[in-house]
PDB file of N, CA and C in Angstrom:
ATOM      1  N   GLU A   1      29.043  -5.441  10.457  1.00  0.00           N
ATOM      2  CA  GLU A   1      28.409  -4.685  11.519  1.00  0.00           C
ATOM      3  C   GLU A   1      27.980  -3.329  10.986  1.00  0.00           C
ATOM      4  N   ILE A   2      26.786  -2.914  11.434  1.00  0.00           N
ATOM      5  CA  ILE A   2      26.250  -1.600  11.093  1.00  0.00           C
ATOM      6  C   ILE A   2      26.029  -0.850  12.401  1.00  0.00           C
ATOM      7  N   HIS A   3      26.512   0.363  12.469  1.00  0.00           N
ATOM      8  CA  HIS A   3      26.312   1.211  13.646  1.00  0.00           C
ATOM      9  C   HIS A   3      25.257   2.248  13.291  1.00  0.00           C
ATOM     10  N   ALA A   4      24.118   2.193  13.984  1.00  0.00           N
ATOM     11  CA  ALA A   4      23.035   3.149  13.717  1.00  0.00           C
ATOM     12  C   ALA A   4      22.233   3.377  14.990  1.00  0.00           C
ATOM     13  N   ALA A   5      21.849   4.612  15.220  1.00  0.00           N
ATOM     14  CA  ALA A   5      21.015   4.990  16.364  1.00  0.00           C
ATOM     15  C   ALA A   5      21.610   4.504  17.682  1.00  0.00           C
ATOM     16  N   GLY A   6      22.928   4.535  17.789  1.00  0.00           N
ATOM     17  CA  GLY A   6      23.586   4.124  19.021  1.00  0.00           C
ATOM     18  C   GLY A   6      23.587   2.625  19.258  1.00  0.00           C
ATOM     19  N   LYS A   7      23.228   1.859  18.242  1.00  0.00           N
ATOM     20  CA  LYS A   7      23.194   0.398  18.374  1.00  0.00           C
ATOM     21  C   LYS A   7      24.097  -0.231  17.321  1.00  0.00           C
ATOM     22  N   ILE A   8      24.434  -1.481  17.576  1.00  0.00           N
ATOM     23  CA  ILE A   8      25.231  -2.236  16.621  1.00  0.00           C
ATOM     24  C   ILE A   8      24.370  -3.377  16.086  1.00  0.00           C
ATOM     25  N   PHE A   9      24.235  -3.422  14.768  1.00  0.00           N
ATOM     26  CA  PHE A   9      23.473  -4.477  14.119  1.00  0.00           C
ATOM     27  C   PHE A   9      24.442  -5.383  13.363  1.00  0.00           C
ATOM     28  N   VAL A  10      24.287  -6.681  13.545  1.00  0.00           N
ATOM     29  CA  VAL A  10      25.115  -7.644  12.843  1.00  0.00           C
ATOM     30  C   VAL A  10      24.252  -8.312  11.788  1.00  0.00           C
ATOM     31  N   LEU A  11      24.601  -8.099  10.520  1.00  0.00           N
ATOM     32  CA  LEU A  11      23.862  -8.688   9.409  1.00  0.00           C
ATOM     33  C   LEU A  11      24.727  -9.743   8.747  1.00  0.00           C
ATOM     34  N   ILE A  12      24.102 -10.844   8.399  1.00  0.00           N
ATOM     35  CA  ILE A  12      24.824 -11.934   7.747  1.00  0.00           C
ATOM     36  C   ILE A  12      24.368 -11.992   6.291  1.00  0.00           C
ATOM     37  N   THR A  13      25.334 -12.020   5.395  1.00  0.00           N
ATOM     38  CA  THR A  13      25.019 -12.054   3.978  1.00  0.00           C
ATOM     39  C   THR A  13      26.083 -12.841   3.229  1.00  0.00           C
ATOM     40  N   SER A  14      25.687 -13.315   2.063  1.00  0.00           N
ATOM     41  CA  SER A  14      26.651 -13.989   1.198  1.00  0.00           C
ATOM     42  C   SER A  14      27.308 -12.996   0.241  1.00  0.00           C
ATOM     43  N   ARG A  15      26.867 -11.736   0.278  1.00  0.00           N
ATOM     44  CA  ARG A  15      27.407 -10.703  -0.609  1.00  0.00           C
ATOM     45  C   ARG A  15      28.659 -10.098   0.004  1.00  0.00           C
ATOM     46  N   GLU A  16      29.761 -10.810  -0.093  1.00  0.00           N
ATOM     47  CA  GLU A  16      31.023 -10.344   0.467  1.00  0.00           C
ATOM     48  C   GLU A  16      31.650  -9.237  -0.369  1.00  0.00           C
ATOM     49  N   ASP A  17      31.103  -9.003  -1.568  1.00  0.00           N
ATOM     50  CA  ASP A  17      31.644  -7.969  -2.443  1.00  0.00           C
ATOM     51  C   ASP A  17      31.114  -6.576  -2.104  1.00  0.00           C
ATOM     52  N   LEU A  18      30.147  -6.494  -1.177  1.00  0.00           N
ATOM     53  CA  LEU A  18      29.544  -5.207  -0.821  1.00  0.00           C
ATOM     54  C   LEU A  18      29.995  -4.756   0.558  1.00  0.00           C
ATOM     55  N   PRO A  19      30.205  -3.461   0.723  1.00  0.00           N
ATOM     56  CA  PRO A  19      30.545  -2.952   2.051  1.00  0.00           C
ATOM     57  C   PRO A  19      29.335  -3.059   2.987  1.00  0.00           C
ATOM     58  N   ALA A  20      29.587  -3.072   4.278  1.00  0.00           N
ATOM     59  CA  ALA A  20      28.538  -3.241   5.279  1.00  0.00           C
ATOM     60  C   ALA A  20      27.473  -2.150   5.175  1.00  0.00           C
ATOM     61  N   GLU A  21      27.868  -0.929   4.857  1.00  0.00           N
ATOM     62  CA  GLU A  21      26.908   0.171   4.759  1.00  0.00           C
ATOM     63  C   GLU A  21      25.888  -0.082   3.649  1.00  0.00           C
ATOM     64  N   ILE A  22      26.346  -0.620   2.538  1.00  0.00           N
ATOM     65  CA  ILE A  22      25.445  -0.922   1.414  1.00  0.00           C
ATOM     66  C   ILE A  22      24.506  -2.064   1.794  1.00  0.00           C
ATOM     67  N   VAL A  23      25.008  -3.083   2.453  1.00  0.00           N
ATOM     68  CA  VAL A  23      24.162  -4.192   2.903  1.00  0.00           C
ATOM     69  C   VAL A  23      23.096  -3.663   3.859  1.00  0.00           C
ATOM     70  N   GLY A  24      23.480  -2.751   4.742  1.00  0.00           N
ATOM     71  CA  GLY A  24      22.520  -2.144   5.661  1.00  0.00           C
ATOM     72  C   GLY A  24      21.440  -1.364   4.930  1.00  0.00           C
ATOM     73  N   LEU A  25      21.820  -0.608   3.902  1.00  0.00           N
ATOM     74  CA  LEU A  25      20.840   0.125   3.098  1.00  0.00           C
ATOM     75  C   LEU A  25      19.890  -0.820   2.368  1.00  0.00           C
ATOM     76  N   ILE A  26      20.436  -1.875   1.811  1.00  0.00           N
ATOM     77  CA  ILE A  26      19.601  -2.858   1.111  1.00  0.00           C
ATOM     78  C   ILE A  26      18.593  -3.460   2.079  1.00  0.00           C
ATOM     79  N   TYR A  27      19.030  -3.795   3.272  1.00  0.00           N
ATOM     80  CA  TYR A  27      18.142  -4.371   4.280  1.00  0.00           C
ATOM     81  C   TYR A  27      17.046  -3.376   4.657  1.00  0.00           C
ATOM     82  N   ARG A  28      17.415  -2.106   4.853  1.00  0.00           N
ATOM     83  CA  ARG A  28      16.427  -1.082   5.205  1.00  0.00           C
ATOM     84  C   ARG A  28      15.411  -0.910   4.083  1.00  0.00           C
ATOM     85  N   TYR A  29      15.882  -0.835   2.833  1.00  0.00           N
ATOM     86  CA  TYR A  29      14.959  -0.683   1.705  1.00  0.00           C
ATOM     87  C   TYR A  29      14.070  -1.910   1.551  1.00  0.00           C
ATOM     88  N   ARG A  30      14.589  -3.079   1.859  1.00  0.00           N
ATOM     89  CA  ARG A  30      13.782  -4.299   1.777  1.00  0.00           C
ATOM     90  C   ARG A  30      12.563  -4.180   2.678  1.00  0.00           C
ATOM     91  N   TRP A  31      12.752  -3.674   3.882  1.00  0.00           N
ATOM     92  CA  TRP A  31      11.622  -3.552   4.801  1.00  0.00           C
ATOM     93  C   TRP A  31      10.652  -2.477   4.351  1.00  0.00           C
ATOM     94  N   GLN A  32      11.120  -1.418   3.713  1.00  0.00           N
ATOM     95  CA  GLN A  32      10.213  -0.426   3.155  1.00  0.00           C
ATOM     96  C   GLN A  32       9.364  -1.040   2.053  1.00  0.00           C
ATOM     97  N   ILE A  33       9.962  -1.900   1.254  1.00  0.00           N
ATOM     98  CA  ILE A  33       9.219  -2.585   0.197  1.00  0.00           C
ATOM     99  C   ILE A  33       8.198  -3.538   0.810  1.00  0.00           C
ATOM    100  N   GLU A  34       8.585  -4.260   1.847  1.00  0.00           N
ATOM    101  CA  GLU A  34       7.653  -5.169   2.532  1.00  0.00           C
ATOM    102  C   GLU A  34       6.458  -4.394   3.087  1.00  0.00           C
ATOM    103  N   LEU A  35       6.717  -3.240   3.701  1.00  0.00           N
ATOM    104  CA  LEU A  35       5.633  -2.427   4.239  1.00  0.00           C
ATOM    105  C   LEU A  35       4.731  -1.899   3.132  1.00  0.00           C
ATOM    106  N   PHE A  36       5.325  -1.548   1.980  1.00  0.00           N
ATOM    107  CA  PHE A  36       4.511  -1.103   0.851  1.00  0.00           C
ATOM    108  C   PHE A  36       3.569  -2.211   0.402  1.00  0.00           C
ATOM    109  N   PHE A  37       4.064  -3.429   0.261  1.00  0.00           N
ATOM    110  CA  PHE A  37       3.204  -4.517  -0.204  1.00  0.00           C
ATOM    111  C   PHE A  37       2.149  -4.879   0.838  1.00  0.00           C
ATOM    112  N   LYS A  38       2.476  -4.756   2.116  1.00  0.00           N
ATOM    113  CA  LYS A  38       1.469  -4.986   3.158  1.00  0.00           C
ATOM    114  C   LYS A  38       0.349  -3.965   3.016  1.00  0.00           C
ATOM    115  N   TRP A  39       0.715  -2.696   2.847  1.00  0.00           N
ATOM    116  CA  TRP A  39      -0.271  -1.641   2.653  1.00  0.00           C
ATOM    117  C   TRP A  39      -1.063  -1.870   1.368  1.00  0.00           C
ATOM    118  N   PHE A  40      -0.375  -2.258   0.306  1.00  0.00           N
ATOM    119  CA  PHE A  40      -1.031  -2.448  -0.993  1.00  0.00           C
ATOM    120  C   PHE A  40      -2.041  -3.589  -0.935  1.00  0.00           C
ATOM    121  N   LYS A  41      -1.701  -4.667  -0.234  1.00  0.00           N
ATOM    122  CA  LYS A  41      -2.646  -5.771  -0.069  1.00  0.00           C
ATOM    123  C   LYS A  41      -3.878  -5.307   0.693  1.00  0.00           C
ATOM    124  N   MET A  42      -3.693  -4.438   1.671  1.00  0.00           N
ATOM    125  CA  MET A  42      -4.831  -3.901   2.403  1.00  0.00           C
ATOM    126  C   MET A  42      -5.694  -3.049   1.483  1.00  0.00           C
ATOM    127  N   ILE A  43      -5.069  -2.263   0.620  1.00  0.00           N
ATOM    128  CA  ILE A  43      -5.804  -1.400  -0.299  1.00  0.00           C
ATOM    129  C   ILE A  43      -6.598  -2.236  -1.302  1.00  0.00           C
ATOM    130  N   LEU A  44      -6.026  -3.329  -1.773  1.00  0.00           N
ATOM    131  CA  LEU A  44      -6.747  -4.171  -2.730  1.00  0.00           C
ATOM    132  C   LEU A  44      -8.046  -4.699  -2.125  1.00  0.00           C
ATOM    133  N   GLY A  45      -8.010  -5.022  -0.849  1.00  0.00           N
ATOM    134  CA  GLY A  45      -9.222  -5.428  -0.162  1.00  0.00           C
ATOM    135  C   GLY A  45      -9.824  -6.735  -0.635  1.00  0.00           C
ATOM    136  N   CYS A  46      -9.047  -7.597  -1.224  1.00  0.00           N
ATOM    137  CA  CYS A  46      -9.579  -8.880  -1.664  1.00  0.00           C
ATOM    138  C   CYS A  46      -8.536  -9.962  -1.425  1.00  0.00           C
ATOM    139  N   ARG A  47      -9.018 -11.161  -1.263  1.00  0.00           N
ATOM    140  CA  ARG A  47      -8.100 -12.272  -1.011  1.00  0.00           C
ATOM    141  C   ARG A  47      -7.673 -12.977  -2.294  1.00  0.00           C
ATOM    142  N   HIS A  48      -8.448 -12.792  -3.335  1.00  0.00           N
ATOM    143  CA  HIS A  48      -8.163 -13.475  -4.599  1.00  0.00           C
ATOM    144  C   HIS A  48      -8.149 -12.461  -5.733  1.00  0.00           C
ATOM    145  N   TRP A  49      -7.430 -12.798  -6.788  1.00  0.00           N
ATOM    146  CA  TRP A  49      -7.419 -11.961  -7.970  1.00  0.00           C
ATOM    147  C   TRP A  49      -8.779 -12.078  -8.654  1.00  0.00           C
ATOM    148  N   LEU A  50      -9.244 -10.971  -9.219  1.00  0.00           N
ATOM    149  CA  LEU A  50     -10.501 -10.992  -9.951  1.00  0.00           C
ATOM    150  C   LEU A  50     -10.326 -11.600 -11.334  1.00  0.00           C
ATOM    151  N   ALA A  51      -9.115 -11.618 -11.825  1.00  0.00           N
ATOM    152  CA  ALA A  51      -8.816 -12.167 -13.151  1.00  0.00           C
ATOM    153  C   ALA A  51      -7.737 -13.231 -13.024  1.00  0.00           C
ATOM    154  N   GLU A  52      -7.656 -14.070 -14.024  1.00  0.00           N
ATOM    155  CA  GLU A  52      -6.641 -15.123 -14.015  1.00  0.00           C
ATOM    156  C   GLU A  52      -5.479 -14.827 -14.950  1.00  0.00           C
ATOM    157  N   SER A  53      -5.659 -13.903 -15.872  1.00  0.00           N
ATOM    158  CA  SER A  53      -4.590 -13.585 -16.815  1.00  0.00           C
ATOM    159  C   SER A  53      -3.681 -12.506 -16.232  1.00  0.00           C
ATOM    160  N   SER A  54      -2.465 -12.425 -16.736  1.00  0.00           N
ATOM    161  CA  SER A  54      -1.541 -11.395 -16.242  1.00  0.00           C
ATOM    162  C   SER A  54      -2.054  -9.999 -16.575  1.00  0.00           C
ATOM    163  N   ARG A  55      -2.716  -9.863 -17.699  1.00  0.00           N
ATOM    164  CA  ARG A  55      -3.285  -8.564 -18.068  1.00  0.00           C
ATOM    165  C   ARG A  55      -4.413  -8.171 -17.106  1.00  0.00           C
ATOM    166  N   GLY A  56      -5.243  -9.126 -16.733  1.00  0.00           N
ATOM    167  CA  GLY A  56      -6.328  -8.857 -15.790  1.00  0.00           C
ATOM    168  C   GLY A  56      -5.805  -8.472 -14.416  1.00  0.00           C
ATOM    169  N   VAL A  57      -4.758  -9.146 -13.977  1.00  0.00           N
ATOM    170  CA  VAL A  57      -4.146  -8.816 -12.686  1.00  0.00           C
ATOM    171  C   VAL A  57      -3.556  -7.409 -12.742  1.00  0.00           C
ATOM    172  N   ALA A  58      -2.906  -7.080 -13.852  1.00  0.00           N
ATOM    173  CA  ALA A  58      -2.330  -5.737 -14.005  1.00  0.00           C
ATOM    174  C   ALA A  58      -3.425  -4.680 -13.948  1.00  0.00           C
ATOM    175  N   ILE A  59      -4.558  -4.933 -14.582  1.00  0.00           N
ATOM    176  CA  ILE A  59      -5.665  -3.974 -14.552  1.00  0.00           C
ATOM    177  C   ILE A  59      -6.171  -3.804 -13.119  1.00  0.00           C
ATOM    178  N   GLN A  60      -6.280  -4.910 -12.379  1.00  0.00           N
ATOM    179  CA  GLN A  60      -6.726  -4.832 -10.991  1.00  0.00           C
ATOM    180  C   GLN A  60      -5.737  -4.017 -10.146  1.00  0.00           C
ATOM    181  N   LEU A  61      -4.448  -4.242 -10.346  1.00  0.00           N
ATOM    182  CA  LEU A  61      -3.434  -3.493  -9.593  1.00  0.00           C
ATOM    183  C   LEU A  61      -3.461  -2.011  -9.944  1.00  0.00           C
ATOM    184  N   TYR A  62      -3.516  -1.701 -11.241  1.00  0.00           N
ATOM    185  CA  TYR A  62      -3.558  -0.301 -11.658  1.00  0.00           C
ATOM    186  C   TYR A  62      -4.831   0.376 -11.154  1.00  0.00           C
ATOM    187  N   GLY A  63      -5.947  -0.329 -11.203  1.00  0.00           N
ATOM    188  CA  GLY A  63      -7.202   0.232 -10.695  1.00  0.00           C
ATOM    189  C   GLY A  63      -7.109   0.585  -9.224  1.00  0.00           C
ATOM    190  N   ALA A  64      -6.517  -0.307  -8.434  1.00  0.00           N
ATOM    191  CA  ALA A  64      -6.359  -0.055  -6.998  1.00  0.00           C
ATOM    192  C   ALA A  64      -5.430   1.133  -6.758  1.00  0.00           C
ATOM    193  N   LEU A  65      -4.336   1.207  -7.492  1.00  0.00           N
ATOM    194  CA  LEU A  65      -3.416   2.333  -7.329  1.00  0.00           C
ATOM    195  C   LEU A  65      -4.067   3.656  -7.726  1.00  0.00           C
ATOM    196  N   ILE A  66      -4.793   3.660  -8.842  1.00  0.00           N
ATOM    197  CA  ILE A  66      -5.456   4.887  -9.292  1.00  0.00           C
ATOM    198  C   ILE A  66      -6.501   5.327  -8.283  1.00  0.00           C
ATOM    199  N   ALA A  67      -7.312   4.384  -7.792  1.00  0.00           N
ATOM    200  CA  ALA A  67      -8.333   4.715  -6.805  1.00  0.00           C
ATOM    201  C   ALA A  67      -7.696   5.281  -5.537  1.00  0.00           C
ATOM    202  N   THR A  68      -6.607   4.682  -5.111  1.00  0.00           N
ATOM    203  CA  THR A  68      -5.913   5.151  -3.912  1.00  0.00           C
ATOM    204  C   THR A  68      -5.360   6.557  -4.109  1.00  0.00           C
ATOM    205  N   LEU A  69      -4.733   6.789  -5.245  1.00  0.00           N
ATOM    206  CA  LEU A  69      -4.174   8.119  -5.513  1.00  0.00           C
ATOM    207  C   LEU A  69      -5.269   9.176  -5.613  1.00  0.00           C
ATOM    208  N   LEU A  70      -6.396   8.839  -6.224  1.00  0.00           N
ATOM    209  CA  LEU A  70      -7.505   9.790  -6.308  1.00  0.00           C
ATOM    210  C   LEU A  70      -8.060  10.104  -4.921  1.00  0.00           C
ATOM    211  N   LEU A  71      -8.185   9.079  -4.080  1.00  0.00           N
ATOM    212  CA  LEU A  71      -8.646   9.314  -2.711  1.00  0.00           C
ATOM    213  C   LEU A  71      -7.653  10.167  -1.929  1.00  0.00           C
ATOM    214  N   MET A  72      -6.372   9.947  -2.164  1.00  0.00           N
ATOM    215  CA  MET A  72      -5.356  10.755  -1.485  1.00  0.00           C
ATOM    216  C   MET A  72      -5.445  12.218  -1.928  1.00  0.00           C
ATOM    217  N   LEU A  73      -5.665  12.443  -3.214  1.00  0.00           N
ATOM    218  CA  LEU A  73      -5.820  13.816  -3.702  1.00  0.00           C
ATOM    219  C   LEU A  73      -7.066  14.472  -3.114  1.00  0.00           C
ATOM    220  N   LEU A  74      -8.128  13.702  -2.971  1.00  0.00           N
ATOM    221  CA  LEU A  74      -9.392  14.221  -2.474  1.00  0.00           C
ATOM    222  C   LEU A  74      -9.352  14.512  -0.979  1.00  0.00           C
ATOM    223  N   THR A  75      -8.795  13.603  -0.198  1.00  0.00           N
ATOM    224  CA  THR A  75      -8.822  13.734   1.259  1.00  0.00           C
ATOM    225  C   THR A  75      -7.541  14.334   1.845  1.00  0.00           C
ATOM    226  N   LYS A  76      -6.501  14.438   1.038  1.00  0.00           N
ATOM    227  CA  LYS A  76      -5.196  14.984   1.475  1.00  0.00           C
ATOM    228  C   LYS A  76      -4.495  14.094   2.501  1.00  0.00           C
ATOM    229  N   GLU A  77      -4.863  12.822   2.571  1.00  0.00           N
ATOM    230  CA  GLU A  77      -4.196  11.873   3.464  1.00  0.00           C
ATOM    231  C   GLU A  77      -4.321  10.468   2.881  1.00  0.00           C
ATOM    232  N   ARG A  78      -3.527   9.563   3.417  1.00  0.00           N
ATOM    233  CA  ARG A  78      -3.576   8.182   2.939  1.00  0.00           C
ATOM    234  C   ARG A  78      -4.902   7.557   3.365  1.00  0.00           C
ATOM    235  N   PRO A  79      -5.617   6.908   2.424  1.00  0.00           N
ATOM    236  CA  PRO A  79      -6.913   6.323   2.783  1.00  0.00           C
ATOM    237  C   PRO A  79      -6.765   5.176   3.770  1.00  0.00           C
ATOM    238  N   THR A  80      -7.752   5.083   4.660  1.00  0.00           N
ATOM    239  CA  THR A  80      -7.773   3.993   5.626  1.00  0.00           C
ATOM    240  C   THR A  80      -8.448   2.774   5.009  1.00  0.00           C
ATOM    241  N   LYS A  81      -8.338   1.671   5.695  1.00  0.00           N
ATOM    242  CA  LYS A  81      -8.989   0.451   5.230  1.00  0.00           C
ATOM    243  C   LYS A  81     -10.498   0.657   5.141  1.00  0.00           C
ATOM    244  N   ARG A  82     -11.069   1.328   6.125  1.00  0.00           N
ATOM    245  CA  ARG A  82     -12.508   1.574   6.139  1.00  0.00           C
ATOM    246  C   ARG A  82     -12.929   2.460   4.969  1.00  0.00           C
ATOM    247  N   GLN A  83     -12.135   3.467   4.639  1.00  0.00           N
ATOM    248  CA  GLN A  83     -12.452   4.329   3.501  1.00  0.00           C
ATOM    249  C   GLN A  83     -12.410   3.550   2.193  1.00  0.00           C
ATOM    250  N   MET A  84     -11.435   2.648   2.066  1.00  0.00           N
ATOM    251  CA  MET A  84     -11.367   1.826   0.852  1.00  0.00           C
ATOM    252  C   MET A  84     -12.555   0.879   0.777  1.00  0.00           C
ATOM    253  N   GLU A  85     -12.953   0.304   1.918  1.00  0.00           N
ATOM    254  CA  GLU A  85     -14.128  -0.568   1.943  1.00  0.00           C
ATOM    255  C   GLU A  85     -15.378   0.209   1.536  1.00  0.00           C
ATOM    256  N   ALA A  86     -15.499   1.444   2.031  1.00  0.00           N
ATOM    257  CA  ALA A  86     -16.654   2.271   1.693  1.00  0.00           C
ATOM    258  C   ALA A  86     -16.691   2.565   0.200  1.00  0.00           C
ATOM    259  N   SER A  87     -15.545   2.836  -0.393  1.00  0.00           N
ATOM    260  CA  SER A  87     -15.525   3.097  -1.838  1.00  0.00           C
ATOM    261  C   SER A  87     -15.856   1.835  -2.623  1.00  0.00           C
ATOM    262  N   HIS A  88     -15.388   0.681  -2.169  1.00  0.00           N
ATOM    263  CA  HIS A  88     -15.751  -0.580  -2.830  1.00  0.00           C
ATOM    264  C   HIS A  88     -17.260  -0.792  -2.759  1.00  0.00           C
ATOM    265  N   LEU A  89     -17.833  -0.577  -1.576  1.00  0.00           N
ATOM    266  CA  LEU A  89     -19.280  -0.754  -1.406  1.00  0.00           C
ATOM    267  C   LEU A  89     -20.062   0.224  -2.273  1.00  0.00           C
ATOM    268  N   TYR A  90     -19.562   1.431  -2.414  1.00  0.00           N
ATOM    269  CA  TYR A  90     -20.231   2.422  -3.261  1.00  0.00           C
ATOM    270  C   TYR A  90     -20.229   1.966  -4.721  1.00  0.00           C
ATOM    271  N   PHE A  91     -19.077   1.491  -5.198  1.00  0.00           N
ATOM    272  CA  PHE A  91     -18.967   1.125  -6.612  1.00  0.00           C
ATOM    273  C   PHE A  91     -19.764  -0.125  -6.978  1.00  0.00           C
ATOM    274  N   VAL A  92     -20.031  -0.998  -6.005  1.00  0.00           N
ATOM    275  CA  VAL A  92     -20.853  -2.174  -6.302  1.00  0.00           C
ATOM    276  C   VAL A  92     -22.323  -1.941  -5.972  1.00  0.00           C
ATOM    277  N   GLY A  93     -22.652  -0.729  -5.487  1.00  0.00           N
ATOM    278  CA  GLY A  93     -24.041  -0.365  -5.280  1.00  0.00           C
ATOM    279  C   GLY A  93     -24.611  -0.626  -3.903  1.00  0.00           C
ATOM    280  N   PHE A  94     -23.772  -0.968  -2.936  1.00  0.00           N
ATOM    281  CA  PHE A  94     -24.254  -1.249  -1.581  1.00  0.00           C
ATOM    282  C   PHE A  94     -24.167  -0.048  -0.644  1.00  0.00           C
ATOM    283  N   ALA A  95     -23.609   1.054  -1.101  1.00  0.00           N
ATOM    284  CA  ALA A  95     -23.516   2.263  -0.285  1.00  0.00           C
ATOM    285  C   ALA A  95     -23.925   3.458  -1.144  1.00  0.00           C
ATOM    286  N   THR A  96     -24.541   4.433  -0.524  1.00  0.00           N
ATOM    287  CA  THR A  96     -24.952   5.636  -1.247  1.00  0.00           C
ATOM    288  C   THR A  96     -23.790   6.620  -1.318  1.00  0.00           C
ATOM    289  N   GLU A  97     -23.971   7.634  -2.153  1.00  0.00           N
ATOM    290  CA  GLU A  97     -22.939   8.671  -2.262  1.00  0.00           C
ATOM    291  C   GLU A  97     -22.780   9.408  -0.933  1.00  0.00           C
ATOM    292  N   ASP A  98     -23.909   9.662  -0.254  1.00  0.00           N
ATOM    293  CA  ASP A  98     -23.839  10.335   1.048  1.00  0.00           C
ATOM    294  C   ASP A  98     -23.047   9.510   2.054  1.00  0.00           C
ATOM    295  N   GLU A  99     -23.249   8.193   2.072  1.00  0.00           N
ATOM    296  CA  GLU A  99     -22.514   7.326   2.994  1.00  0.00           C
ATOM    297  C   GLU A  99     -21.022   7.341   2.680  1.00  0.00           C
ATOM    298  N   LEU A 100     -20.699   7.319   1.392  1.00  0.00           N
ATOM    299  CA  LEU A 100     -19.287   7.364   0.992  1.00  0.00           C
ATOM    300  C   LEU A 100     -18.642   8.679   1.413  1.00  0.00           C
ATOM    301  N   LEU A 101     -19.312   9.787   1.122  1.00  0.00           N
ATOM    302  CA  LEU A 101     -18.757  11.095   1.481  1.00  0.00           C
ATOM    303  C   LEU A 101     -18.609  11.243   2.991  1.00  0.00           C
ATOM    304  N   ARG A 102     -19.560  10.727   3.743  1.00  0.00           N
ATOM    305  CA  ARG A 102     -19.471  10.787   5.204  1.00  0.00           C
ATOM    306  C   ARG A 102     -18.263   9.988   5.695  1.00  0.00           C
ATOM    307  N   GLU A 103     -18.033   8.809   5.118  1.00  0.00           N
ATOM    308  CA  GLU A 103     -16.885   7.993   5.522  1.00  0.00           C
ATOM    309  C   GLU A 103     -15.562   8.650   5.146  1.00  0.00           C
ATOM    310  N   LEU A 104     -15.557   9.369   4.029  1.00  0.00           N
ATOM    311  CA  LEU A 104     -14.336  10.052   3.598  1.00  0.00           C
ATOM    312  C   LEU A 104     -14.119  11.356   4.356  1.00  0.00           C
ATOM    313  N   GLY A 105     -15.109  11.767   5.159  1.00  0.00           N
ATOM    314  CA  GLY A 105     -14.976  12.997   5.923  1.00  0.00           C
ATOM    315  C   GLY A 105     -15.191  14.224   5.076  1.00  0.00           C
ATOM    316  N   LEU A 106     -15.946  14.085   3.998  1.00  0.00           N
ATOM    317  CA  LEU A 106     -16.214  15.197   3.088  1.00  0.00           C
ATOM    318  C   LEU A 106     -17.680  15.583   3.169  1.00  0.00           C
ATOM    319  N   GLN A 107     -17.966  16.836   2.981  1.00  0.00           N
ATOM    320  CA  GLN A 107     -19.342  17.306   2.971  1.00  0.00           C
ATOM    321  C   GLN A 107     -19.841  17.342   1.535  1.00  0.00           C
ATOM    322  N   LYS A 108     -21.077  16.926   1.335  1.00  0.00           N
ATOM    323  CA  LYS A 108     -21.659  16.976  -0.009  1.00  0.00           C
ATOM    324  C   LYS A 108     -22.032  18.412  -0.325  1.00  0.00           C
ATOM    325  N   SER A 109     -21.592  18.894  -1.485  1.00  0.00           N
ATOM    326  CA  SER A 109     -21.877  20.289  -1.842  1.00  0.00           C
ATOM    327  C   SER A 109     -23.185  20.438  -2.580  1.00  0.00           C
TER     328      SER A 109
END
């Protein structure tokens, strides 16, 4: 049993060697990891890998993370799905720089 926020949570586990507090922390961190991967899949913006090799997949993942971090530095907030779509469209040539900047909420200098 875990007591948190005035509630009692009953967690079932095969890890009898761990105290309940540690099991509760592991469960909480698991959901943070799940939320990260949900967000990361949204940032990738694709249903399939662009490459079939492990190296190609790693490049795609690193590219998405770098693009996201650069957008965060530029806009001072986590990019939305629409902002990521706009940047994808810009890089493949379907959106202009003005359209991208407008979607990011930035003024062209």
